[in-house]
Protein backbone atom coordinates (compact mmCIF):
# COMPACT_ATOMS: atom_id res chain seq x y z
CA MET A 1 4.15 -61.09 -32.17
CA ALA A 2 2.79 -62.55 -35.39
CA GLU A 3 4.02 -65.90 -36.43
CA VAL A 4 6.07 -65.91 -39.64
CA THR A 5 4.69 -68.51 -41.97
CA SER A 6 5.41 -69.53 -45.52
CA GLU A 7 2.17 -67.94 -46.66
CA LEU A 8 3.08 -64.59 -45.07
CA MET A 9 6.52 -64.68 -46.67
CA PHE A 10 4.96 -65.57 -50.02
CA GLU A 11 2.54 -62.62 -49.79
CA LEU A 12 5.39 -60.24 -48.88
CA LEU A 13 7.47 -61.52 -51.78
CA LYS A 14 4.52 -61.05 -54.17
CA LYS A 15 4.11 -57.46 -53.01
CA LEU A 16 7.83 -56.83 -53.39
CA HIS A 17 7.69 -58.32 -56.87
CA GLN A 18 4.81 -56.01 -57.81
CA ARG A 19 6.70 -53.01 -56.49
CA PHE A 20 9.82 -53.96 -58.43
CA ASP A 21 7.73 -54.30 -61.56
CA LYS A 22 6.51 -50.73 -61.04
CA VAL A 23 10.08 -49.56 -60.46
CA ASP A 24 11.24 -51.32 -63.63
CA PHE A 25 8.43 -49.69 -65.60
CA ALA A 26 9.28 -46.25 -64.17
CA ILE A 27 12.96 -46.73 -65.03
CA SER A 28 12.13 -47.74 -68.59
CA GLU A 29 9.96 -44.61 -68.94
CA LEU A 30 12.81 -42.46 -67.61
CA ARG A 31 15.19 -44.06 -70.08
CA ALA A 32 12.81 -43.36 -72.96
CA ASP A 33 12.43 -39.75 -71.81
CA ASN A 34 16.20 -39.43 -71.54
CA GLN A 35 16.67 -40.76 -75.06
CA THR A 36 14.05 -38.33 -76.37
CA MET A 37 15.78 -35.43 -74.65
CA ARG A 38 19.15 -36.50 -76.03
CA ALA A 39 17.71 -36.62 -79.55
CA GLN A 40 16.19 -33.16 -79.12
CA LEU A 41 19.47 -31.77 -77.77
CA HIS A 42 21.31 -33.31 -80.70
CA ALA A 43 18.91 -31.64 -83.13
CA LEU A 44 19.26 -28.35 -81.25
CA GLN A 45 23.04 -28.57 -81.44
CA GLY A 46 22.78 -29.09 -85.21
CA ASP A 47 20.56 -26.00 -85.46
CA VAL A 48 23.06 -23.96 -83.44
CA ASN A 49 25.90 -25.14 -85.67
CA ASN A 50 23.93 -24.15 -88.76
CA LEU A 51 23.24 -20.71 -87.28
CA ARG A 52 26.93 -20.25 -86.50
CA ALA A 53 27.82 -21.12 -90.08
CA THR A 54 25.22 -18.68 -91.39
CA VAL A 55 26.47 -15.89 -89.13
CA GLY A 56 30.01 -16.61 -90.26
CA HIS A 57 28.89 -16.35 -93.87
CA PHE A 58 27.17 -13.03 -93.17
CA GLU A 59 30.27 -11.72 -91.40
CA SER A 60 32.49 -12.54 -94.36
CA ARG A 61 30.01 -10.88 -96.75
CA LEU A 62 29.89 -7.77 -94.55
CA ASP A 63 33.68 -7.66 -94.48
CA ARG A 64 33.77 -7.75 -98.28
CA ILE A 65 31.13 -5.00 -98.45
CA ASP A 66 33.09 -2.90 -95.97
CA ASN A 67 36.23 -3.32 -98.06
CA ARG A 68 34.40 -2.27 -101.23
CA LEU A 69 32.93 0.79 -99.53
CA GLU A 70 36.34 1.83 -98.22
CA LEU A 71 37.83 1.47 -101.71
CA ARG A 72 34.98 3.48 -103.21
CA GLU A 73 35.30 6.22 -100.58
CA PHE A 74 39.03 6.29 -101.21
CA GLN A 75 38.49 6.66 -104.99
CA GLU A 76 35.90 9.39 -104.45
CA ALA A 77 38.27 11.27 -102.16
CA GLN A 78 41.06 11.01 -104.73
CA ALA A 79 38.74 12.26 -107.47
CA ARG A 80 37.88 15.34 -105.41
CA PHE A 81 41.51 16.31 -105.01
CA GLU A 82 42.63 15.68 -108.57
CA PRO A 83 42.94 18.79 -110.70
CA GLN A 84 40.18 19.27 -113.26
CA PRO A 85 41.46 19.71 -116.87
């Protein structure tokens, strides 16, 4: 079995330190990616909210148009049944 010396332990600790540096770098990249994705999701949620508001606006306009058409059809139907002088 190999003898454990201070030099061997020092070399192992250096390699572990290098590996931890790589892990720290990978974690910081993942955090940056996560923050980017969160920002994009936030922007997407704003777009969805704007679309919902626009659709709601269109729905209310269509309801008003429907009401006007019904009133007009009702007036036209009344005019057909009124006696002509």
